[in-house]
């Protein structure tokens, strides 16, 4: 049963975090304040845009704070004035100093989209897919000063399906995280549940995705390239050059075919897919995106540009 007397301060920035805030509010919990990254320019016009968390908070009449850090006394005084019982942190993007971690009655609880201690850090969903992991999940963690080092309060698992990409896996983890967070908040009046320390021997780090990681290197295996394609969609899709023009690969699979052709050679073109030689394997491509166009299947592309991909071409 929801405890409306529990005073929650929520800290987060992107859509993933905003969904958690929305459900917490909808379930009847009392969010007394929200923290988010400062508004930043976005879109073609570089218009200053509110973060998704700020937008949700303001739509519910919740005050929003956007400090650059918690190092100045006024920022700390503002947080103290909210008298939080717990601070919920979801993809906030700002480090919390010890004074903040120690302030709420029940501490600071973080929702992290991985099975800690695997994939601590900024890009856990993308790194799990890039590495070909077969399982992911959400951990609710009691925060401490280290990067995602705190003991785990709640863990929810989900398999990574063969057709998952970053969009579908994020959506599933978002739903699991929202429900797990609300379940945990319901128990807080009785105290925080028993926490499990992370095994330091199992730690891996999910460093931020770099732009250069999006380029397809055809000497890599088809399995690695397929993982690259699904991990980087839709934020920074994997791409290659076709006649000097960038083409994004949107949907692929690992073909059962084998080829000794040079990596990057187009082996077969049909109205449903094309097959491309990789390092001792073959990648089958179903959907692509050319410059200035929306994503489309291979058949639609070939209807407009029959010779865009030709057997024997080297990408």
C-alpha atoms as a PDB file:
ATOM      1  CA  UNK A   1       0.000   0.000   0.000  1.00  0.00           C
ATOM      2  CA  UNK A   2       1.360   3.439  -0.939  1.00  0.00           C
ATOM      3  CA  UNK A   3       2.563   5.595   1.947  1.00  0.00           C
ATOM      4  CA  UNK A   4       1.708   9.220   1.012  1.00  0.00           C
ATOM      5  CA  UNK A   5       3.581  10.465   4.091  1.00  0.00           C
ATOM      6  CA  UNK A   6       6.891   9.320   2.600  1.00  0.00           C
ATOM      7  CA  UNK A   7       8.636  12.447   1.308  1.00  0.00           C
ATOM      8  CA  UNK A   8      10.468  11.694  -1.936  1.00  0.00           C
ATOM      9  CA  UNK A   9      12.951  13.837  -3.815  1.00  0.00           C
ATOM     10  CA  UNK A  10      13.460  12.515  -7.350  1.00  0.00           C
ATOM     11  CA  UNK A  11      16.646  13.101  -9.360  1.00  0.00           C
ATOM     12  CA  UNK A  12      16.876  12.177 -13.035  1.00  0.00           C
ATOM     13  CA  UNK A  13      17.152  13.591 -16.533  1.00  0.00           C
ATOM     14  CA  UNK A  14      16.211  11.493 -19.651  1.00  0.00           C
ATOM     15  CA  UNK A  15      13.013   9.744 -20.769  1.00  0.00           C
ATOM     16  CA  UNK A  16      14.006   6.568 -18.926  1.00  0.00           C
ATOM     17  CA  UNK A  17      14.017   8.523 -15.661  1.00  0.00           C
ATOM     18  CA  UNK A  18      10.880  10.501 -16.521  1.00  0.00           C
ATOM     19  CA  UNK A  19       8.875   7.271 -16.874  1.00  0.00           C
ATOM     20  CA  UNK A  20       9.885   6.292 -13.328  1.00  0.00           C
ATOM     21  CA  UNK A  21       8.866   9.681 -11.976  1.00  0.00           C
ATOM     22  CA  UNK A  22       5.516   9.523 -13.770  1.00  0.00           C
ATOM     23  CA  UNK A  23       4.634   6.135 -12.303  1.00  0.00           C
ATOM     24  CA  UNK A  24       5.741   7.107  -8.789  1.00  0.00           C
ATOM     25  CA  UNK A  25       3.417  10.116  -8.966  1.00  0.00           C
ATOM     26  CA  UNK A  26       0.583   8.106 -10.529  1.00  0.00           C
ATOM     27  CA  UNK A  27       0.795   5.475  -7.799  1.00  0.00           C
ATOM     28  CA  UNK A  28       0.141   8.158  -5.196  1.00  0.00           C
ATOM     29  CA  UNK A  29       3.578   8.659  -3.645  1.00  0.00           C
ATOM     30  CA  UNK A  30       4.469  12.159  -2.490  1.00  0.00           C
ATOM     31  CA  UNK A  31       7.241  13.707  -4.571  1.00  0.00           C
ATOM     32  CA  UNK A  32       8.147  16.985  -2.875  1.00  0.00           C
ATOM     33  CA  UNK A  33      10.838  18.056  -5.328  1.00  0.00           C
ATOM     34  CA  UNK A  34      12.644  17.015  -8.493  1.00  0.00           C
ATOM     35  CA  UNK A  35      16.254  17.507  -9.569  1.00  0.00           C
ATOM     36  CA  UNK A  36      17.407  17.375 -13.180  1.00  0.00           C
ATOM     37  CA  UNK A  37      20.288  18.459 -15.396  1.00  0.00           C
ATOM     38  CA  UNK A  38      20.153  22.047 -16.684  1.00  0.00           C
ATOM     39  CA  UNK A  39      18.129  22.639 -19.848  1.00  0.00           C
ATOM     40  CA  UNK A  40      20.242  22.353 -22.980  1.00  0.00           C
ATOM     41  CA  UNK A  41      19.827  23.321 -26.652  1.00  0.00           C
ATOM     42  CA  UNK A  42      18.385  20.575 -28.844  1.00  0.00           C
ATOM     43  CA  UNK A  43      16.966  20.058 -32.320  1.00  0.00           C
ATOM     44  CA  UNK A  44      17.871  21.850 -35.520  1.00  0.00           C
ATOM     45  CA  UNK A  45      17.053  25.239 -34.045  1.00  0.00           C
ATOM     46  CA  UNK A  46      19.123  24.547 -30.928  1.00  0.00           C
ATOM     47  CA  UNK A  47      16.214  25.719 -28.811  1.00  0.00           C
ATOM     48  CA  UNK A  48      16.678  25.485 -25.051  1.00  0.00           C
ATOM     49  CA  UNK A  49      14.597  22.462 -24.064  1.00  0.00           C
ATOM     50  CA  UNK A  50      13.423  21.170 -20.700  1.00  0.00           C
ATOM     51  CA  UNK A  51      14.656  17.717 -19.738  1.00  0.00           C
ATOM     52  CA  UNK A  52      12.017  14.958 -19.763  1.00  0.00           C
ATOM     53  CA  UNK A  53      12.120  14.750 -15.961  1.00  0.00           C
ATOM     54  CA  UNK A  54      11.614  18.488 -15.632  1.00  0.00           C
ATOM     55  CA  UNK A  55       8.667  18.337 -18.029  1.00  0.00           C
ATOM     56  CA  UNK A  56       6.958  15.579 -16.049  1.00  0.00           C
ATOM     57  CA  UNK A  57       7.572  17.279 -12.710  1.00  0.00           C
ATOM     58  CA  UNK A  58       6.246  20.622 -13.873  1.00  0.00           C
ATOM     59  CA  UNK A  59       3.151  19.002 -15.376  1.00  0.00           C
ATOM     60  CA  UNK A  60       2.314  17.767 -11.875  1.00  0.00           C
ATOM     61  CA  UNK A  61       3.163  21.024 -10.127  1.00  0.00           C
ATOM     62  CA  UNK A  62       6.335  19.662  -8.535  1.00  0.00           C
ATOM     63  CA  UNK A  63       9.159  22.201  -8.034  1.00  0.00           C
ATOM     64  CA  UNK A  64      12.304  21.524 -10.061  1.00  0.00           C
ATOM     65  CA  UNK A  65      15.918  22.266  -9.147  1.00  0.00           C
ATOM     66  CA  UNK A  66      18.703  22.203 -11.754  1.00  0.00           C
ATOM     67  CA  UNK A  67      21.986  22.872  -9.949  1.00  0.00           C
ATOM     68  CA  UNK A  68      25.329  22.457 -11.680  1.00  0.00           C
ATOM     69  CA  UNK A  69      26.622  20.735  -8.529  1.00  0.00           C
ATOM     70  CA  UNK A  70      25.850  20.295  -4.839  1.00  0.00           C
ATOM     71  CA  UNK A  71      29.044  22.007  -3.704  1.00  0.00           C
ATOM     72  CA  UNK A  72      27.608  25.374  -2.744  1.00  0.00           C
ATOM     73  CA  UNK A  73      25.813  25.920   0.592  1.00  0.00           C
ATOM     74  CA  UNK A  74      22.641  27.360  -0.978  1.00  0.00           C
ATOM     75  CA  UNK A  75      22.076  24.229  -3.093  1.00  0.00           C
ATOM     76  CA  UNK A  76      22.442  22.041  -0.007  1.00  0.00           C
ATOM     77  CA  UNK A  77      20.135  24.315   1.980  1.00  0.00           C
ATOM     78  CA  UNK A  78      17.479  23.988  -0.717  1.00  0.00           C
ATOM     79  CA  UNK A  79      17.714  20.191  -0.645  1.00  0.00           C
ATOM     80  CA  UNK A  80      17.535  20.140   3.157  1.00  0.00           C
ATOM     81  CA  UNK A  81      14.414  22.298   3.051  1.00  0.00           C
ATOM     82  CA  UNK A  82      12.583  19.540   1.161  1.00  0.00           C
ATOM     83  CA  UNK A  83      13.137  17.272   4.213  1.00  0.00           C
ATOM     84  CA  UNK A  84      13.324  14.140   2.061  1.00  0.00           C
ATOM     85  CA  UNK A  85      12.807  10.713   3.574  1.00  0.00           C
ATOM     86  CA  UNK A  86      14.423   9.207   0.479  1.00  0.00           C
ATOM     87  CA  UNK A  87      16.084  10.464  -2.674  1.00  0.00           C
ATOM     88  CA  UNK A  88      15.393   8.385  -5.783  1.00  0.00           C
ATOM     89  CA  UNK A  89      18.064   8.701  -8.476  1.00  0.00           C
ATOM     90  CA  UNK A  90      17.519   7.469 -12.050  1.00  0.00           C
ATOM     91  CA  UNK A  91      20.028   8.406 -14.763  1.00  0.00           C
ATOM     92  CA  UNK A  92      20.601  11.808 -13.185  1.00  0.00           C
ATOM     93  CA  UNK A  93      24.083  12.444 -14.581  1.00  0.00           C
ATOM     94  CA  UNK A  94      25.424  14.355 -11.593  1.00  0.00           C
ATOM     95  CA  UNK A  95      27.599  12.924  -8.846  1.00  0.00           C
ATOM     96  CA  UNK A  96      26.150  13.175  -5.344  1.00  0.00           C
ATOM     97  CA  UNK A  97      28.606  14.119  -2.581  1.00  0.00           C
ATOM     98  CA  UNK A  98      28.587  12.375   0.816  1.00  0.00           C
ATOM     99  CA  UNK A  99      26.518  15.173   2.391  1.00  0.00           C
ATOM    100  CA  UNK A 100      23.673  14.481  -0.059  1.00  0.00           C
ATOM    101  CA  UNK A 101      23.903  10.702   0.300  1.00  0.00           C
ATOM    102  CA  UNK A 102      23.630  11.005   4.073  1.00  0.00           C
ATOM    103  CA  UNK A 103      20.768  13.513   4.151  1.00  0.00           C
ATOM    104  CA  UNK A 104      17.582  11.458   3.558  1.00  0.00           C
ATOM    105  CA  UNK A 105      16.294   9.148   6.293  1.00  0.00           C
ATOM    106  CA  UNK A 106      16.447   6.122   3.979  1.00  0.00           C
ATOM    107  CA  UNK A 107      19.419   7.368   1.969  1.00  0.00           C
ATOM    108  CA  UNK A 108      19.610   7.643  -1.810  1.00  0.00           C
ATOM    109  CA  UNK A 109      18.304   4.777  -3.938  1.00  0.00           C
ATOM    110  CA  UNK A 110      19.445   4.397  -7.539  1.00  0.00           C
ATOM    111  CA  UNK A 111      17.689   2.523 -10.355  1.00  0.00           C
ATOM    112  CA  UNK A 112      20.386   1.097 -12.650  1.00  0.00           C
ATOM    113  CA  UNK A 113      19.681  -0.737 -15.917  1.00  0.00           C
ATOM    114  CA  UNK A 114      22.038  -3.676 -15.531  1.00  0.00           C
ATOM    115  CA  UNK A 115      22.686  -6.704 -13.350  1.00  0.00           C
ATOM    116  CA  UNK A 116      25.263  -5.141 -11.063  1.00  0.00           C
ATOM    117  CA  UNK A 117      28.187  -5.449 -10.673  1.00  0.00           C
ATOM    118  CA  UNK A 118      28.156  -6.104 -14.430  1.00  0.00           C
ATOM    119  CA  UNK A 119      28.024  -2.895 -16.442  1.00  0.00           C
ATOM    120  CA  UNK A 120      28.504  -0.154 -13.919  1.00  0.00           C
ATOM    121  CA  UNK A 121      28.524   3.244 -15.560  1.00  0.00           C
ATOM    122  CA  UNK A 122      26.976   5.330 -18.309  1.00  0.00           C
ATOM    123  CA  UNK A 123      25.863   2.913 -21.061  1.00  0.00           C
ATOM    124  CA  UNK A 124      24.844  -0.415 -19.492  1.00  0.00           C
ATOM    125  CA  UNK A 125      22.154  -1.310 -22.037  1.00  0.00           C
ATOM    126  CA  UNK A 126      24.330  -0.657 -25.086  1.00  0.00           C
ATOM    127  CA  UNK A 127      27.320  -2.479 -23.580  1.00  0.00           C
ATOM    128  CA  UNK A 128      25.242  -5.528 -22.714  1.00  0.00           C
ATOM    129  CA  UNK A 129      24.064  -5.786 -26.326  1.00  0.00           C
ATOM    130  CA  UNK A 130      27.499  -5.074 -27.788  1.00  0.00           C
ATOM    131  CA  UNK A 131      28.948  -7.884 -25.709  1.00  0.00           C
ATOM    132  CA  UNK A 132      26.283 -10.357 -26.772  1.00  0.00           C
ATOM    133  CA  UNK A 133      24.940 -10.840 -23.236  1.00  0.00           C
ATOM    134  CA  UNK A 134      21.981 -13.210 -22.983  1.00  0.00           C
ATOM    135  CA  UNK A 135      20.522 -11.595 -19.875  1.00  0.00           C
ATOM    136  CA  UNK A 136      20.004  -8.131 -18.461  1.00  0.00           C
ATOM    137  CA  UNK A 137      17.895  -6.555 -15.771  1.00  0.00           C
ATOM    138  CA  UNK A 138      17.431  -3.735 -13.300  1.00  0.00           C
ATOM    139  CA  UNK A 139      19.072  -3.267  -9.924  1.00  0.00           C
ATOM    140  CA  UNK A 140      17.886  -0.952  -7.178  1.00  0.00           C
ATOM    141  CA  UNK A 141      20.963   0.060  -5.239  1.00  0.00           C
ATOM    142  CA  UNK A 142      21.649   1.877  -1.984  1.00  0.00           C
ATOM    143  CA  UNK A 143      23.945   4.612  -3.212  1.00  0.00           C
ATOM    144  CA  UNK A 144      27.394   5.268  -1.828  1.00  0.00           C
ATOM    145  CA  UNK A 145      30.184   7.512  -3.044  1.00  0.00           C
ATOM    146  CA  UNK A 146      31.677   5.105  -5.605  1.00  0.00           C
ATOM    147  CA  UNK A 147      30.334   4.762  -9.166  1.00  0.00           C
ATOM    148  CA  UNK A 148      27.474   2.230  -8.931  1.00  0.00           C
ATOM    149  CA  UNK A 149      29.291   0.419  -6.117  1.00  0.00           C
ATOM    150  CA  UNK A 150      26.520   0.324  -3.511  1.00  0.00           C
ATOM    151  CA  UNK A 151      24.780  -2.798  -2.189  1.00  0.00           C
ATOM    152  CA  UNK A 152      21.814  -4.080  -4.186  1.00  0.00           C
ATOM    153  CA  UNK A 153      18.372  -3.851  -2.578  1.00  0.00           C
ATOM    154  CA  UNK A 154      16.325  -5.411  -5.382  1.00  0.00           C
ATOM    155  CA  UNK A 155      17.207  -7.222  -8.602  1.00  0.00           C
ATOM    156  CA  UNK A 156      14.898  -8.002 -11.541  1.00  0.00           C
ATOM    157  CA  UNK A 157      16.107 -10.133 -14.469  1.00  0.00           C
ATOM    158  CA  UNK A 158      15.027 -10.341 -18.109  1.00  0.00           C
ATOM    159  CA  UNK A 159      16.438 -12.364 -21.028  1.00  0.00           C
ATOM    160  CA  UNK A 160      17.930 -10.475 -23.956  1.00  0.00           C
ATOM    161  CA  UNK A 161      16.110 -11.740 -27.036  1.00  0.00           C
ATOM    162  CA  UNK A 162      17.808 -12.348 -30.364  1.00  0.00           C
ATOM    163  CA  UNK A 163      15.754  -9.558 -31.954  1.00  0.00           C
ATOM    164  CA  UNK A 164      16.254  -7.028 -29.160  1.00  0.00           C
ATOM    165  CA  UNK A 165      17.907  -3.717 -29.879  1.00  0.00           C
ATOM    166  CA  UNK A 166      18.656  -0.837 -27.522  1.00  0.00           C
ATOM    167  CA  UNK A 167      15.154   0.574 -28.014  1.00  0.00           C
ATOM    168  CA  UNK A 168      13.243  -2.617 -27.195  1.00  0.00           C
ATOM    169  CA  UNK A 169      15.517  -3.595 -24.307  1.00  0.00           C
ATOM    170  CA  UNK A 170      15.363  -0.090 -22.845  1.00  0.00           C
ATOM    171  CA  UNK A 171      11.565  -0.142 -22.981  1.00  0.00           C
ATOM    172  CA  UNK A 172      11.422  -3.474 -21.158  1.00  0.00           C
ATOM    173  CA  UNK A 173      13.960  -2.465 -18.522  1.00  0.00           C
ATOM    174  CA  UNK A 174      12.129   0.819 -18.032  1.00  0.00           C
ATOM    175  CA  UNK A 175       8.903  -1.023 -17.258  1.00  0.00           C
ATOM    176  CA  UNK A 176      10.657  -3.441 -14.903  1.00  0.00           C
ATOM    177  CA  UNK A 177      12.463  -0.595 -13.155  1.00  0.00           C
ATOM    178  CA  UNK A 178       9.296   1.435 -12.652  1.00  0.00           C
ATOM    179  CA  UNK A 179       7.460  -1.453 -11.021  1.00  0.00           C
ATOM    180  CA  UNK A 180      10.441  -2.489  -8.897  1.00  0.00           C
ATOM    181  CA  UNK A 181      10.899   1.074  -7.650  1.00  0.00           C
ATOM    182  CA  UNK A 182       7.258   1.428  -6.623  1.00  0.00           C
ATOM    183  CA  UNK A 183       7.391  -1.950  -4.859  1.00  0.00           C
ATOM    184  CA  UNK A 184      10.465  -0.870  -2.920  1.00  0.00           C
ATOM    185  CA  UNK A 185       9.029   2.522  -1.962  1.00  0.00           C
ATOM    186  CA  UNK A 186       5.974   0.748  -0.579  1.00  0.00           C
ATOM    187  CA  UNK A 187       8.178  -1.167   1.879  1.00  0.00           C
ATOM    188  CA  UNK A 188      10.226   1.808   3.079  1.00  0.00           C
ATOM    189  CA  UNK A 189       8.101   2.735   6.101  1.00  0.00           C
ATOM    190  CA  UNK A 190       9.232  -0.586   7.565  1.00  0.00           C
ATOM    191  CA  UNK A 191      12.872   0.233   6.727  1.00  0.00           C
ATOM    192  CA  UNK A 192      15.089  -0.556   3.756  1.00  0.00           C
ATOM    193  CA  UNK A 193      15.273  -4.245   2.815  1.00  0.00           C
ATOM    194  CA  UNK A 194      18.414  -6.306   3.305  1.00  0.00           C
ATOM    195  CA  UNK A 195      21.065  -5.344   0.784  1.00  0.00           C
ATOM    196  CA  UNK A 196      23.539  -7.613  -1.020  1.00  0.00           C
ATOM    197  CA  UNK A 197      27.093  -6.380  -1.501  1.00  0.00           C
ATOM    198  CA  UNK A 198      28.435  -6.477  -5.058  1.00  0.00           C
ATOM    199  CA  UNK A 199      31.153  -9.000  -5.860  1.00  0.00           C
ATOM    200  CA  UNK A 200      34.239  -6.974  -6.904  1.00  0.00           C
ATOM    201  CA  UNK A 201      35.522  -9.913  -8.958  1.00  0.00           C
ATOM    202  CA  UNK A 202      32.545  -9.582 -11.336  1.00  0.00           C
ATOM    203  CA  UNK A 203      32.771  -5.838 -12.023  1.00  0.00           C
ATOM    204  CA  UNK A 204      32.655  -4.568 -15.611  1.00  0.00           C
ATOM    205  CA  UNK A 205      32.321  -0.938 -16.723  1.00  0.00           C
ATOM    206  CA  UNK A 206      29.898   0.416 -19.319  1.00  0.00           C
ATOM    207  CA  UNK A 207      31.835   3.370 -20.661  1.00  0.00           C
ATOM    208  CA  UNK A 208      29.989   5.978 -22.699  1.00  0.00           C
ATOM    209  CA  UNK A 209      29.493   5.123 -26.376  1.00  0.00           C
ATOM    210  CA  UNK A 210      31.940   7.026 -28.602  1.00  0.00           C
ATOM    211  CA  UNK A 211      31.123   8.243 -32.117  1.00  0.00           C
ATOM    212  CA  UNK A 212      33.814   6.101 -33.709  1.00  0.00           C
ATOM    213  CA  UNK A 213      32.146   2.944 -32.386  1.00  0.00           C
ATOM    214  CA  UNK A 214      29.295   3.394 -34.876  1.00  0.00           C
ATOM    215  CA  UNK A 215      31.367   2.672 -37.989  1.00  0.00           C
ATOM    216  CA  UNK A 216      31.075  -0.848 -39.389  1.00  0.00           C
ATOM    217  CA  UNK A 217      34.401  -2.675 -39.764  1.00  0.00           C
ATOM    218  CA  UNK A 218      33.695  -5.542 -42.143  1.00  0.00           C
ATOM    219  CA  UNK A 219      36.637  -7.650 -40.953  1.00  0.00           C
ATOM    220  CA  UNK A 220      34.747  -8.168 -37.693  1.00  0.00           C
ATOM    221  CA  UNK A 221      32.519 -11.224 -37.369  1.00  0.00           C
ATOM    222  CA  UNK A 222      28.855 -11.115 -38.373  1.00  0.00           C
ATOM    223  CA  UNK A 223      27.904 -11.811 -34.758  1.00  0.00           C
ATOM    224  CA  UNK A 224      29.868  -8.783 -33.550  1.00  0.00           C
ATOM    225  CA  UNK A 225      28.446  -6.564 -36.290  1.00  0.00           C
ATOM    226  CA  UNK A 226      24.886  -7.689 -35.573  1.00  0.00           C
ATOM    227  CA  UNK A 227      25.427  -6.854 -31.901  1.00  0.00           C
ATOM    228  CA  UNK A 228      26.826  -3.469 -32.935  1.00  0.00           C
ATOM    229  CA  UNK A 229      23.781  -2.702 -35.083  1.00  0.00           C
ATOM    230  CA  UNK A 230      21.233  -3.558 -32.413  1.00  0.00           C
ATOM    231  CA  UNK A 231      23.171  -1.972 -29.546  1.00  0.00           C
ATOM    232  CA  UNK A 232      23.531   1.413 -31.239  1.00  0.00           C
ATOM    233  CA  UNK A 233      19.985   1.774 -32.582  1.00  0.00           C
ATOM    234  CA  UNK A 234      18.327   4.242 -32.339  1.00  0.00           C
ATOM    235  CA  UNK A 235      20.712   6.660 -30.588  1.00  0.00           C
ATOM    236  CA  UNK A 236      23.738   6.419 -32.908  1.00  0.00           C
ATOM    237  CA  UNK A 237      23.066   3.756 -35.571  1.00  0.00           C
ATOM    238  CA  UNK A 238      25.906   1.714 -37.022  1.00  0.00           C
ATOM    239  CA  UNK A 239      26.927   2.812 -40.507  1.00  0.00           C
ATOM    240  CA  UNK A 240      29.086   2.052 -43.512  1.00  0.00           C
ATOM    241  CA  UNK A 241      29.927   3.870 -46.744  1.00  0.00           C
ATOM    242  CA  UNK A 242      28.300   2.989 -50.068  1.00  0.00           C
ATOM    243  CA  UNK A 243      29.825   4.937 -52.971  1.00  0.00           C
ATOM    244  CA  UNK A 244      31.073   7.486 -50.472  1.00  0.00           C
ATOM    245  CA  UNK A 245      27.638   7.988 -48.893  1.00  0.00           C
ATOM    246  CA  UNK A 246      26.858   7.011 -45.322  1.00  0.00           C
ATOM    247  CA  UNK A 247      24.262   4.261 -44.941  1.00  0.00           C
ATOM    248  CA  UNK A 248      22.967   3.257 -41.545  1.00  0.00           C
ATOM    249  CA  UNK A 249      22.217  -0.392 -40.833  1.00  0.00           C
ATOM    250  CA  UNK A 250      18.989  -0.641 -38.859  1.00  0.00           C
ATOM    251  CA  UNK A 251      18.022  -4.331 -38.729  1.00  0.00           C
ATOM    252  CA  UNK A 252      20.277  -7.320 -39.338  1.00  0.00           C
ATOM    253  CA  UNK A 253      20.881 -10.927 -38.421  1.00  0.00           C
ATOM    254  CA  UNK A 254      23.725 -13.437 -38.601  1.00  0.00           C
ATOM    255  CA  UNK A 255      23.347 -15.543 -41.743  1.00  0.00           C
ATOM    256  CA  UNK A 256      23.956 -19.275 -41.700  1.00  0.00           C
ATOM    257  CA  UNK A 257      25.898 -18.841 -44.948  1.00  0.00           C
ATOM    258  CA  UNK A 258      29.684 -18.909 -45.111  1.00  0.00           C
ATOM    259  CA  UNK A 259      31.931 -17.063 -47.549  1.00  0.00           C
ATOM    260  CA  UNK A 260      35.613 -16.702 -48.360  1.00  0.00           C
ATOM    261  CA  UNK A 261      35.027 -13.399 -50.170  1.00  0.00           C
ATOM    262  CA  UNK A 262      36.783 -10.250 -49.022  1.00  0.00           C
ATOM    263  CA  UNK A 263      35.080  -8.628 -46.025  1.00  0.00           C
ATOM    264  CA  UNK A 264      32.570  -6.008 -47.149  1.00  0.00           C
ATOM    265  CA  UNK A 265      31.704  -7.788 -50.422  1.00  0.00           C
ATOM    266  CA  UNK A 266      28.001  -7.832 -51.332  1.00  0.00           C
ATOM    267  CA  UNK A 267      27.201 -11.504 -51.881  1.00  0.00           C
ATOM    268  CA  UNK A 268      23.488 -11.524 -52.594  1.00  0.00           C
ATOM    269  CA  UNK A 269      20.717  -8.963 -53.138  1.00  0.00           C
ATOM    270  CA  UNK A 270      16.980  -9.733 -53.021  1.00  0.00           C
ATOM    271  CA  UNK A 271      13.800  -7.753 -52.379  1.00  0.00           C
ATOM    272  CA  UNK A 272      13.926  -8.730 -48.729  1.00  0.00           C
ATOM    273  CA  UNK A 273      17.598  -8.561 -47.757  1.00  0.00           C
ATOM    274  CA  UNK A 274      21.205  -8.359 -48.801  1.00  0.00           C
ATOM    275  CA  UNK A 275      24.082 -10.505 -47.593  1.00  0.00           C
ATOM    276  CA  UNK A 276      27.542  -9.103 -46.980  1.00  0.00           C
ATOM    277  CA  UNK A 277      30.785 -10.971 -46.315  1.00  0.00           C
ATOM    278  CA  UNK A 278      32.382 -10.331 -42.912  1.00  0.00           C
ATOM    279  CA  UNK A 279      35.265 -11.896 -41.067  1.00  0.00           C
ATOM    280  CA  UNK A 280      34.725 -15.613 -41.849  1.00  0.00           C
ATOM    281  CA  UNK A 281      30.938 -15.103 -41.730  1.00  0.00           C
ATOM    282  CA  UNK A 282      27.998 -13.360 -43.410  1.00  0.00           C
ATOM    283  CA  UNK A 283      25.763 -10.536 -42.192  1.00  0.00           C
ATOM    284  CA  UNK A 284      22.214 -10.352 -43.543  1.00  0.00           C
ATOM    285  CA  UNK A 285      20.731  -6.841 -43.693  1.00  0.00           C
ATOM    286  CA  UNK A 286      16.980  -6.170 -43.796  1.00  0.00           C
ATOM    287  CA  UNK A 287      16.511  -2.449 -43.043  1.00  0.00           C
ATOM    288  CA  UNK A 288      18.753   0.524 -43.787  1.00  0.00           C
ATOM    289  CA  UNK A 289      18.661   4.321 -43.722  1.00  0.00           C
ATOM    290  CA  UNK A 290      20.288   6.418 -46.420  1.00  0.00           C
ATOM    291  CA  UNK A 291      21.263  10.080 -46.068  1.00  0.00           C
ATOM    292  CA  UNK A 292      18.250  12.367 -45.713  1.00  0.00           C
ATOM    293  CA  UNK A 293      15.742   9.490 -45.835  1.00  0.00           C
ATOM    294  CA  UNK A 294      13.761   7.569 -43.211  1.00  0.00           C
ATOM    295  CA  UNK A 295      14.653   3.994 -42.385  1.00  0.00           C
ATOM    296  CA  UNK A 296      13.287   1.503 -44.899  1.00  0.00           C
ATOM    297  CA  UNK A 297      13.456  -2.156 -45.817  1.00  0.00           C
ATOM    298  CA  UNK A 298      15.748  -3.304 -48.602  1.00  0.00           C
ATOM    299  CA  UNK A 299      12.833  -3.892 -50.982  1.00  0.00           C
ATOM    300  CA  UNK A 300      11.627  -0.297 -50.637  1.00  0.00           C
ATOM    301  CA  UNK A 301      15.131   1.037 -51.214  1.00  0.00           C
ATOM    302  CA  UNK A 302      15.627  -1.079 -54.335  1.00  0.00           C
ATOM    303  CA  UNK A 303      12.254  -0.010 -55.742  1.00  0.00           C
ATOM    304  CA  UNK A 304      13.556   3.544 -55.889  1.00  0.00           C
ATOM    305  CA  UNK A 305      17.225   2.779 -56.528  1.00  0.00           C
ATOM    306  CA  UNK A 306      17.549  -0.657 -58.182  1.00  0.00           C
ATOM    307  CA  UNK A 307      21.349  -0.483 -58.406  1.00  0.00           C
ATOM    308  CA  UNK A 308      22.035   0.912 -54.948  1.00  0.00           C
ATOM    309  CA  UNK A 309      23.496  -2.455 -53.876  1.00  0.00           C
ATOM    310  CA  UNK A 310      24.983  -4.773 -56.489  1.00  0.00           C
ATOM    311  CA  UNK A 311      26.477  -8.238 -56.105  1.00  0.00           C
ATOM    312  CA  UNK A 312      30.254  -7.964 -56.115  1.00  0.00           C
ATOM    313  CA  UNK A 313      30.389  -4.407 -54.766  1.00  0.00           C
ATOM    314  CA  UNK A 314      32.743  -3.841 -51.869  1.00  0.00           C
ATOM    315  CA  UNK A 315      31.443  -1.651 -49.067  1.00  0.00           C
END
